[in-house]
C-alpha atoms as a PDB file:
ATOM      1  CA  UNK A   1      -8.808  17.932  -8.921  1.00  0.00           C
ATOM      2  CA  UNK A   2      -5.586  16.450 -10.260  1.00  0.00           C
ATOM      3  CA  UNK A   3      -3.286  13.499  -9.615  1.00  0.00           C
ATOM      4  CA  UNK A   4      -0.211  14.653  -7.704  1.00  0.00           C
ATOM      5  CA  UNK A   5       1.552  11.353  -6.970  1.00  0.00           C
ATOM      6  CA  UNK A   6       1.470   7.723  -8.111  1.00  0.00           C
ATOM      7  CA  UNK A   7       3.162   4.829  -6.345  1.00  0.00           C
ATOM      8  CA  UNK A   8       3.326   1.064  -6.187  1.00  0.00           C
ATOM      9  CA  UNK A   9       4.696  -1.251  -3.508  1.00  0.00           C
ATOM     10  CA  UNK A  10       6.160  -4.173  -5.480  1.00  0.00           C
ATOM     11  CA  UNK A  11       6.727  -6.234  -2.316  1.00  0.00           C
ATOM     12  CA  UNK A  12       4.004  -5.943   0.276  1.00  0.00           C
ATOM     13  CA  UNK A  13       5.125  -4.015   3.376  1.00  0.00           C
ATOM     14  CA  UNK A  14       8.343  -2.663   1.805  1.00  0.00           C
ATOM     15  CA  UNK A  15       9.232   0.800   0.481  1.00  0.00           C
ATOM     16  CA  UNK A  16       7.098   2.436  -2.201  1.00  0.00           C
ATOM     17  CA  UNK A  17       8.208   3.177  -5.760  1.00  0.00           C
ATOM     18  CA  UNK A  18       7.149   6.567  -7.144  1.00  0.00           C
ATOM     19  CA  UNK A  19       5.969   6.642 -10.775  1.00  0.00           C
ATOM     20  CA  UNK A  20       5.036   9.265 -13.329  1.00  0.00           C
ATOM     21  CA  UNK A  21       2.511   6.921 -14.960  1.00  0.00           C
ATOM     22  CA  UNK A  22       0.953   3.603 -14.016  1.00  0.00           C
ATOM     23  CA  UNK A  23      -1.087   0.980 -15.832  1.00  0.00           C
ATOM     24  CA  UNK A  24      -4.415   0.140 -14.191  1.00  0.00           C
ATOM     25  CA  UNK A  25      -5.277  -3.557 -14.257  1.00  0.00           C
ATOM     26  CA  UNK A  26      -8.481  -5.127 -12.873  1.00  0.00           C
ATOM     27  CA  UNK A  27      -6.682  -6.030  -9.615  1.00  0.00           C
ATOM     28  CA  UNK A  28      -4.772  -2.740  -9.162  1.00  0.00           C
ATOM     29  CA  UNK A  29      -1.789  -0.864 -10.555  1.00  0.00           C
ATOM     30  CA  UNK A  30       0.628  -2.983 -12.563  1.00  0.00           C
ATOM     31  CA  UNK A  31       3.398  -4.299 -10.346  1.00  0.00           C
ATOM     32  CA  UNK A  32       1.713  -3.373  -7.081  1.00  0.00           C
ATOM     33  CA  UNK A  33       1.974  -5.895  -4.226  1.00  0.00           C
ATOM     34  CA  UNK A  34       2.544  -8.951  -6.390  1.00  0.00           C
ATOM     35  CA  UNK A  35       5.325 -10.166  -4.064  1.00  0.00           C
ATOM     36  CA  UNK A  36       5.443 -10.707  -0.301  1.00  0.00           C
ATOM     37  CA  UNK A  37       7.800 -11.848   2.423  1.00  0.00           C
ATOM     38  CA  UNK A  38       6.644 -14.871   4.432  1.00  0.00           C
ATOM     39  CA  UNK A  39       8.103 -16.865   7.304  1.00  0.00           C
ATOM     40  CA  UNK A  40       8.971 -20.557   7.207  1.00  0.00           C
ATOM     41  CA  UNK A  41       5.326 -21.505   7.825  1.00  0.00           C
ATOM     42  CA  UNK A  42       4.058 -19.194   5.074  1.00  0.00           C
ATOM     43  CA  UNK A  43       2.818 -16.550   7.520  1.00  0.00           C
ATOM     44  CA  UNK A  44       2.947 -12.880   6.563  1.00  0.00           C
ATOM     45  CA  UNK A  45       6.017 -10.890   7.624  1.00  0.00           C
ATOM     46  CA  UNK A  46       4.895  -7.271   7.919  1.00  0.00           C
ATOM     47  CA  UNK A  47       6.582  -3.940   8.583  1.00  0.00           C
ATOM     48  CA  UNK A  48       4.610  -3.034  11.683  1.00  0.00           C
ATOM     49  CA  UNK A  49       6.433  -5.951  13.316  1.00  0.00           C
ATOM     50  CA  UNK A  50       9.664  -5.877  11.276  1.00  0.00           C
ATOM     51  CA  UNK A  51      10.395  -2.211  10.538  1.00  0.00           C
ATOM     52  CA  UNK A  52      13.477  -3.082   8.457  1.00  0.00           C
ATOM     53  CA  UNK A  53      11.167  -4.238   5.680  1.00  0.00           C
ATOM     54  CA  UNK A  54      10.641  -0.540   4.917  1.00  0.00           C
ATOM     55  CA  UNK A  55      14.336  -0.201   4.071  1.00  0.00           C
ATOM     56  CA  UNK A  56      13.916  -2.612   1.147  1.00  0.00           C
ATOM     57  CA  UNK A  57      13.411  -1.087  -2.286  1.00  0.00           C
ATOM     58  CA  UNK A  58      12.029  -3.283  -5.033  1.00  0.00           C
ATOM     59  CA  UNK A  59      11.669  -2.418  -8.709  1.00  0.00           C
ATOM     60  CA  UNK A  60       9.808  -4.564 -11.249  1.00  0.00           C
ATOM     61  CA  UNK A  61      11.873  -5.585 -14.274  1.00  0.00           C
ATOM     62  CA  UNK A  62      10.980  -7.393 -17.458  1.00  0.00           C
ATOM     63  CA  UNK A  63      12.219 -10.646 -15.955  1.00  0.00           C
ATOM     64  CA  UNK A  64      11.249 -10.270 -12.308  1.00  0.00           C
ATOM     65  CA  UNK A  65      12.330  -7.932  -9.550  1.00  0.00           C
ATOM     66  CA  UNK A  66      15.394  -5.934  -8.511  1.00  0.00           C
ATOM     67  CA  UNK A  67      16.056  -5.697  -4.769  1.00  0.00           C
ATOM     68  CA  UNK A  68      18.195  -3.131  -2.961  1.00  0.00           C
ATOM     69  CA  UNK A  69      18.684  -1.967   0.622  1.00  0.00           C
ATOM     70  CA  UNK A  70      21.265   0.106   2.506  1.00  0.00           C
ATOM     71  CA  UNK A  71      24.603  -1.728   2.844  1.00  0.00           C
ATOM     72  CA  UNK A  72      23.294  -4.678   0.840  1.00  0.00           C
ATOM     73  CA  UNK A  73      24.248  -5.817  -2.674  1.00  0.00           C
ATOM     74  CA  UNK A  74      21.608  -5.350  -5.351  1.00  0.00           C
ATOM     75  CA  UNK A  75      19.904  -8.611  -6.256  1.00  0.00           C
ATOM     76  CA  UNK A  76      18.082  -9.560  -9.461  1.00  0.00           C
ATOM     77  CA  UNK A  77      15.205 -11.947  -8.727  1.00  0.00           C
ATOM     78  CA  UNK A  78      13.730 -13.820 -11.720  1.00  0.00           C
ATOM     79  CA  UNK A  79      10.073 -14.737 -11.953  1.00  0.00           C
ATOM     80  CA  UNK A  80       9.849 -18.206 -10.354  1.00  0.00           C
ATOM     81  CA  UNK A  81       8.341 -21.337 -11.857  1.00  0.00           C
ATOM     82  CA  UNK A  82       4.641 -21.377 -10.876  1.00  0.00           C
ATOM     83  CA  UNK A  83       4.608 -25.184 -10.776  1.00  0.00           C
ATOM     84  CA  UNK A  84       6.126 -25.007  -7.272  1.00  0.00           C
ATOM     85  CA  UNK A  85       3.902 -23.417  -4.638  1.00  0.00           C
ATOM     86  CA  UNK A  86       3.959 -22.614  -0.940  1.00  0.00           C
ATOM     87  CA  UNK A  87       0.988 -22.148   1.411  1.00  0.00           C
ATOM     88  CA  UNK A  88       0.559 -18.553   2.539  1.00  0.00           C
ATOM     89  CA  UNK A  89      -1.147 -16.762   5.395  1.00  0.00           C
ATOM     90  CA  UNK A  90      -2.771 -14.243   3.063  1.00  0.00           C
ATOM     91  CA  UNK A  91      -6.549 -14.302   3.232  1.00  0.00           C
ATOM     92  CA  UNK A  92      -8.442 -15.895   0.339  1.00  0.00           C
ATOM     93  CA  UNK A  93      -5.200 -17.245  -1.169  1.00  0.00           C
ATOM     94  CA  UNK A  94      -4.169 -20.837  -0.662  1.00  0.00           C
ATOM     95  CA  UNK A  95      -0.646 -20.606  -2.062  1.00  0.00           C
ATOM     96  CA  UNK A  96       1.946 -18.494  -3.856  1.00  0.00           C
ATOM     97  CA  UNK A  97       5.111 -19.181  -5.819  1.00  0.00           C
ATOM     98  CA  UNK A  98       8.456 -19.142  -3.954  1.00  0.00           C
ATOM     99  CA  UNK A  99      11.339 -17.132  -5.390  1.00  0.00           C
ATOM    100  CA  UNK A 100      14.904 -18.434  -5.547  1.00  0.00           C
ATOM    101  CA  UNK A 101      16.829 -19.574  -2.455  1.00  0.00           C
ATOM    102  CA  UNK A 102      19.210 -16.670  -3.159  1.00  0.00           C
ATOM    103  CA  UNK A 103      16.346 -14.204  -2.615  1.00  0.00           C
ATOM    104  CA  UNK A 104      15.410 -16.022   0.596  1.00  0.00           C
ATOM    105  CA  UNK A 105      18.992 -15.757   1.840  1.00  0.00           C
ATOM    106  CA  UNK A 106      19.236 -12.043   0.930  1.00  0.00           C
ATOM    107  CA  UNK A 107      16.062 -11.231   2.854  1.00  0.00           C
ATOM    108  CA  UNK A 108      16.793 -13.552   5.771  1.00  0.00           C
ATOM    109  CA  UNK A 109      20.182 -11.922   6.361  1.00  0.00           C
ATOM    110  CA  UNK A 110      18.646  -8.446   6.240  1.00  0.00           C
ATOM    111  CA  UNK A 111      15.750  -9.283   8.589  1.00  0.00           C
ATOM    112  CA  UNK A 112      17.780 -11.631  10.798  1.00  0.00           C
ATOM    113  CA  UNK A 113      15.192 -14.399  10.584  1.00  0.00           C
ATOM    114  CA  UNK A 114      14.442 -17.206   8.110  1.00  0.00           C
ATOM    115  CA  UNK A 115      12.030 -15.888   5.459  1.00  0.00           C
ATOM    116  CA  UNK A 116      11.032 -16.541   1.860  1.00  0.00           C
ATOM    117  CA  UNK A 117       9.997 -14.237  -0.968  1.00  0.00           C
ATOM    118  CA  UNK A 118       6.818 -15.342  -2.750  1.00  0.00           C
ATOM    119  CA  UNK A 119       5.108 -14.178  -5.928  1.00  0.00           C
ATOM    120  CA  UNK A 120       1.413 -14.039  -6.776  1.00  0.00           C
ATOM    121  CA  UNK A 121       1.548 -15.296 -10.341  1.00  0.00           C
ATOM    122  CA  UNK A 122      -2.138 -14.713 -11.087  1.00  0.00           C
ATOM    123  CA  UNK A 123      -4.202 -12.191  -9.051  1.00  0.00           C
ATOM    124  CA  UNK A 124      -7.375 -13.852 -10.287  1.00  0.00           C
ATOM    125  CA  UNK A 125      -6.577 -16.584  -7.767  1.00  0.00           C
ATOM    126  CA  UNK A 126      -7.404 -14.147  -4.964  1.00  0.00           C
ATOM    127  CA  UNK A 127     -11.007 -12.928  -4.969  1.00  0.00           C
ATOM    128  CA  UNK A 128     -11.851  -9.678  -3.239  1.00  0.00           C
ATOM    129  CA  UNK A 129     -13.935  -9.948  -0.075  1.00  0.00           C
ATOM    130  CA  UNK A 130     -17.542  -8.766  -0.186  1.00  0.00           C
ATOM    131  CA  UNK A 131     -16.954  -7.446   3.331  1.00  0.00           C
ATOM    132  CA  UNK A 132     -14.634  -4.834   1.766  1.00  0.00           C
ATOM    133  CA  UNK A 133     -16.929  -3.904  -1.104  1.00  0.00           C
ATOM    134  CA  UNK A 134     -16.008  -6.648  -3.543  1.00  0.00           C
ATOM    135  CA  UNK A 135     -18.436  -8.106  -6.034  1.00  0.00           C
ATOM    136  CA  UNK A 136     -18.328 -11.445  -7.865  1.00  0.00           C
ATOM    137  CA  UNK A 137     -15.419 -11.342 -10.308  1.00  0.00           C
ATOM    138  CA  UNK A 138     -13.415  -8.690  -8.416  1.00  0.00           C
ATOM    139  CA  UNK A 139      -9.876  -9.901  -7.747  1.00  0.00           C
ATOM    140  CA  UNK A 140      -6.965  -8.552  -5.787  1.00  0.00           C
ATOM    141  CA  UNK A 141      -3.192  -8.508  -5.542  1.00  0.00           C
ATOM    142  CA  UNK A 142      -1.606  -9.061  -2.122  1.00  0.00           C
ATOM    143  CA  UNK A 143      -3.010  -5.719  -0.945  1.00  0.00           C
ATOM    144  CA  UNK A 144      -4.990  -5.941   2.281  1.00  0.00           C
ATOM    145  CA  UNK A 145      -8.507  -5.197   1.107  1.00  0.00           C
ATOM    146  CA  UNK A 146      -8.923  -3.467  -2.278  1.00  0.00           C
ATOM    147  CA  UNK A 147      -6.973  -2.863  -5.500  1.00  0.00           C
ATOM    148  CA  UNK A 148      -6.212   0.880  -5.230  1.00  0.00           C
ATOM    149  CA  UNK A 149      -5.788   3.248  -2.287  1.00  0.00           C
ATOM    150  CA  UNK A 150      -6.368   6.971  -2.877  1.00  0.00           C
ATOM    151  CA  UNK A 151      -5.587   9.823  -0.495  1.00  0.00           C
ATOM    152  CA  UNK A 152      -5.767  13.596  -0.821  1.00  0.00           C
ATOM    153  CA  UNK A 153      -3.343  16.381   0.055  1.00  0.00           C
ATOM    154  CA  UNK A 154      -6.248  18.430   1.420  1.00  0.00           C
ATOM    155  CA  UNK A 155      -7.078  15.707   3.929  1.00  0.00           C
ATOM    156  CA  UNK A 156      -3.449  15.351   4.988  1.00  0.00           C
ATOM    157  CA  UNK A 157      -3.144  19.120   5.438  1.00  0.00           C
ATOM    158  CA  UNK A 158      -6.184  19.046   7.739  1.00  0.00           C
ATOM    159  CA  UNK A 159      -4.748  16.126   9.694  1.00  0.00           C
ATOM    160  CA  UNK A 160      -1.421  17.909  10.154  1.00  0.00           C
ATOM    161  CA  UNK A 161      -3.290  20.999  11.361  1.00  0.00           C
ATOM    162  CA  UNK A 162      -5.149  18.888  13.922  1.00  0.00           C
ATOM    163  CA  UNK A 163      -1.855  17.316  15.071  1.00  0.00           C
ATOM    164  CA  UNK A 164      -0.229  20.749  15.491  1.00  0.00           C
ATOM    165  CA  UNK A 165      -3.271  22.142  17.324  1.00  0.00           C
ATOM    166  CA  UNK A 166      -3.315  19.217  19.739  1.00  0.00           C
ATOM    167  CA  UNK A 167       0.419  19.572  20.457  1.00  0.00           C
ATOM    168  CA  UNK A 168       0.068  23.310  21.090  1.00  0.00           C
ATOM    169  CA  UNK A 169      -2.960  22.829  23.352  1.00  0.00           C
ATOM    170  CA  UNK A 170      -1.133  20.221  25.437  1.00  0.00           C
ATOM    171  CA  UNK A 171       2.142  22.130  25.589  1.00  0.00           C
ATOM    172  CA  UNK A 172       4.079  19.615  23.507  1.00  0.00           C
ATOM    173  CA  UNK A 173       6.713  20.396  20.855  1.00  0.00           C
ATOM    174  CA  UNK A 174       5.208  20.663  17.370  1.00  0.00           C
ATOM    175  CA  UNK A 175       6.537  17.753  15.344  1.00  0.00           C
ATOM    176  CA  UNK A 176       7.408  17.899  11.626  1.00  0.00           C
ATOM    177  CA  UNK A 177       4.392  17.452   9.367  1.00  0.00           C
ATOM    178  CA  UNK A 178       3.391  13.871   8.706  1.00  0.00           C
ATOM    179  CA  UNK A 179       4.423  12.654   5.256  1.00  0.00           C
ATOM    180  CA  UNK A 180       1.907  11.040   2.925  1.00  0.00           C
ATOM    181  CA  UNK A 181       4.251   8.059   2.633  1.00  0.00           C
ATOM    182  CA  UNK A 182       3.025   6.866   6.045  1.00  0.00           C
ATOM    183  CA  UNK A 183      -0.359   6.065   4.475  1.00  0.00           C
ATOM    184  CA  UNK A 184       1.079   4.084   1.525  1.00  0.00           C
ATOM    185  CA  UNK A 185      -1.351   5.299  -1.153  1.00  0.00           C
ATOM    186  CA  UNK A 186      -1.285   4.368  -4.827  1.00  0.00           C
ATOM    187  CA  UNK A 187      -2.842   7.649  -5.958  1.00  0.00           C
ATOM    188  CA  UNK A 188      -2.539  11.037  -4.293  1.00  0.00           C
ATOM    189  CA  UNK A 189      -4.733  13.909  -5.479  1.00  0.00           C
ATOM    190  CA  UNK A 190      -4.702  17.566  -4.482  1.00  0.00           C
ATOM    191  CA  UNK A 191      -8.334  17.544  -3.331  1.00  0.00           C
ATOM    192  CA  UNK A 192     -10.870  20.376  -3.095  1.00  0.00           C
ATOM    193  CA  UNK A 193     -11.702  20.111   0.614  1.00  0.00           C
ATOM    194  CA  UNK A 194     -10.568  17.777   3.409  1.00  0.00           C
ATOM    195  CA  UNK A 195     -12.144  14.343   3.390  1.00  0.00           C
ATOM    196  CA  UNK A 196     -14.464  15.073   0.481  1.00  0.00           C
ATOM    197  CA  UNK A 197     -13.504  11.603  -0.770  1.00  0.00           C
ATOM    198  CA  UNK A 198     -15.529  10.059   2.078  1.00  0.00           C
ATOM    199  CA  UNK A 199     -18.738  10.719   0.148  1.00  0.00           C
ATOM    200  CA  UNK A 200     -17.680   9.475  -3.264  1.00  0.00           C
ATOM    201  CA  UNK A 201     -19.459   6.625  -5.013  1.00  0.00           C
ATOM    202  CA  UNK A 202     -17.253   6.555  -8.094  1.00  0.00           C
ATOM    203  CA  UNK A 203     -14.497   8.566  -9.729  1.00  0.00           C
ATOM    204  CA  UNK A 204     -12.841   8.938 -13.112  1.00  0.00           C
ATOM    205  CA  UNK A 205      -9.077   9.506 -13.131  1.00  0.00           C
ATOM    206  CA  UNK A 206      -7.923  10.408 -16.619  1.00  0.00           C
ATOM    207  CA  UNK A 207      -9.807   7.907 -18.754  1.00  0.00           C
ATOM    208  CA  UNK A 208     -10.079   5.188 -16.081  1.00  0.00           C
ATOM    209  CA  UNK A 209     -13.220   4.671 -13.998  1.00  0.00           C
ATOM    210  CA  UNK A 210     -13.212   3.428 -10.407  1.00  0.00           C
ATOM    211  CA  UNK A 211     -15.897   2.373  -7.949  1.00  0.00           C
ATOM    212  CA  UNK A 212     -15.563   3.278  -4.285  1.00  0.00           C
ATOM    213  CA  UNK A 213     -15.158   0.083  -2.263  1.00  0.00           C
ATOM    214  CA  UNK A 214     -14.980   1.605   1.211  1.00  0.00           C
ATOM    215  CA  UNK A 215     -13.137   4.077   3.382  1.00  0.00           C
ATOM    216  CA  UNK A 216      -9.716   2.903   4.543  1.00  0.00           C
ATOM    217  CA  UNK A 217      -9.274   2.050   8.208  1.00  0.00           C
ATOM    218  CA  UNK A 218      -5.790   2.788   9.514  1.00  0.00           C
ATOM    219  CA  UNK A 219      -3.528   0.704  11.735  1.00  0.00           C
ATOM    220  CA  UNK A 220      -0.247   1.086  13.636  1.00  0.00           C
ATOM    221  CA  UNK A 221       1.641   0.878  10.316  1.00  0.00           C
ATOM    222  CA  UNK A 222       0.983   4.614   9.913  1.00  0.00           C
ATOM    223  CA  UNK A 223       2.824   5.351  13.167  1.00  0.00           C
ATOM    224  CA  UNK A 224       6.156   4.195  11.665  1.00  0.00           C
ATOM    225  CA  UNK A 225       8.363   6.917  10.203  1.00  0.00           C
ATOM    226  CA  UNK A 226       9.320   5.285   6.877  1.00  0.00           C
ATOM    227  CA  UNK A 227      12.682   7.092   6.761  1.00  0.00           C
ATOM    228  CA  UNK A 228      13.873   6.737  10.358  1.00  0.00           C
ATOM    229  CA  UNK A 229      12.043   3.434  11.003  1.00  0.00           C
ATOM    230  CA  UNK A 230      10.967   4.749  14.393  1.00  0.00           C
ATOM    231  CA  UNK A 231       7.485   4.567  15.913  1.00  0.00           C
ATOM    232  CA  UNK A 232       5.407   7.317  17.533  1.00  0.00           C
ATOM    233  CA  UNK A 233       1.781   7.926  18.492  1.00  0.00           C
ATOM    234  CA  UNK A 234       0.749   9.921  15.429  1.00  0.00           C
ATOM    235  CA  UNK A 235      -1.328   9.920  13.329  1.00  0.00           C
ATOM    236  CA  UNK A 236      -3.497   7.362  15.136  1.00  0.00           C
ATOM    237  CA  UNK A 237      -3.773   9.484  18.295  1.00  0.00           C
ATOM    238  CA  UNK A 238      -5.158  12.486  16.422  1.00  0.00           C
ATOM    239  CA  UNK A 239      -7.220  10.482  13.931  1.00  0.00           C
ATOM    240  CA  UNK A 240      -8.896   8.824  16.910  1.00  0.00           C
ATOM    241  CA  UNK A 241     -10.074  12.244  18.102  1.00  0.00           C
ATOM    242  CA  UNK A 242     -11.489  13.399  14.771  1.00  0.00           C
ATOM    243  CA  UNK A 243     -11.974  10.362  12.513  1.00  0.00           C
ATOM    244  CA  UNK A 244     -13.029   7.490  14.744  1.00  0.00           C
ATOM    245  CA  UNK A 245     -16.223   5.501  14.352  1.00  0.00           C
ATOM    246  CA  UNK A 246     -17.117   1.808  14.353  1.00  0.00           C
ATOM    247  CA  UNK A 247     -14.112   1.442  16.722  1.00  0.00           C
ATOM    248  CA  UNK A 248     -11.688   2.250  13.870  1.00  0.00           C
ATOM    249  CA  UNK A 249      -9.833   5.318  12.542  1.00  0.00           C
ATOM    250  CA  UNK A 250     -10.132   6.365   8.895  1.00  0.00           C
ATOM    251  CA  UNK A 251      -7.992   8.059   6.239  1.00  0.00           C
ATOM    252  CA  UNK A 252      -8.224   7.593   2.450  1.00  0.00           C
ATOM    253  CA  UNK A 253     -10.530   5.520   0.276  1.00  0.00           C
ATOM    254  CA  UNK A 254     -10.221   2.133  -1.384  1.00  0.00           C
ATOM    255  CA  UNK A 255     -11.115   1.935  -5.075  1.00  0.00           C
ATOM    256  CA  UNK A 256     -11.943  -0.875  -7.495  1.00  0.00           C
ATOM    257  CA  UNK A 257     -11.125  -0.371 -11.208  1.00  0.00           C
ATOM    258  CA  UNK A 258     -14.123  -0.452 -13.524  1.00  0.00           C
ATOM    259  CA  UNK A 259     -11.950  -0.057 -16.630  1.00  0.00           C
ATOM    260  CA  UNK A 260      -8.258  -0.270 -17.476  1.00  0.00           C
ATOM    261  CA  UNK A 261      -5.775   2.203 -18.921  1.00  0.00           C
ATOM    262  CA  UNK A 262      -2.982   4.547 -17.914  1.00  0.00           C
ATOM    263  CA  UNK A 263      -2.869   6.990 -15.032  1.00  0.00           C
ATOM    264  CA  UNK A 264      -0.437   9.904 -15.234  1.00  0.00           C
ATOM    265  CA  UNK A 265       0.691  12.686 -12.935  1.00  0.00           C
ATOM    266  CA  UNK A 266      -1.525  15.663 -13.717  1.00  0.00           C
ATOM    267  CA  UNK A 267      -4.553  13.607 -14.809  1.00  0.00           C
ATOM    268  CA  UNK A 268      -7.894  15.207 -14.039  1.00  0.00           C
ATOM    269  CA  UNK A 269     -10.000  13.593 -11.307  1.00  0.00           C
ATOM    270  CA  UNK A 270     -13.772  13.819 -11.676  1.00  0.00           C
ATOM    271  CA  UNK A 271     -16.639  12.304  -9.743  1.00  0.00           C
ATOM    272  CA  UNK A 272     -18.474   9.631 -11.712  1.00  0.00           C
END
């Protein structure tokens, strides 16, 4: 097995950034989900409610973050002063650091609602939940449940086959294949057989070891086409027929780093 894609999501719930290599830190890939958009009360603003978040592209820089979006000027956002903090609605995190008022204005105009951009200055402030496979000392960025999400091309190919078979059986037009971007993984591998990752306990990618935290349950976020920003019924409808248990649907696995180092496209993936 080999790594086929690497990606980070510098601002939670916005567009992904493809990489050829990524540094693994204890709380995830460097630069992944260290920023988030919040409303005036500090509550999470997420793409399954505000699809336009997915039109925002963010790129980490040495001094902060660079923001861009269609028909919007590019904005350089410096790292904010961590002495000022705002309460947030993120679980197991009391507060985060607000970015400049200019960043708030840029985002508020794009989303047509008052929002702020906040930064998690130290991921060690957010412990990982034991409910999601965390152990004492495991910490987390602003990701939902675990530091790293891995998916496989073999599993996606099987899912797309199921979607096409269902459409044909019910006399519906066959839709274009679902893109992996809907699932927002950090690491995509080719895979040996569909859903083999379900049974992993640990894995080594290149020289970096990971522990399996849990399988990843999927929500309506996957039903948003990240390019068109439109919503449909797939893949949840088909996953519910083939991959539903404990009242949830499942695709991909959540991993916790057991060492640090670099991941690169083409790295070998071995069970550990």
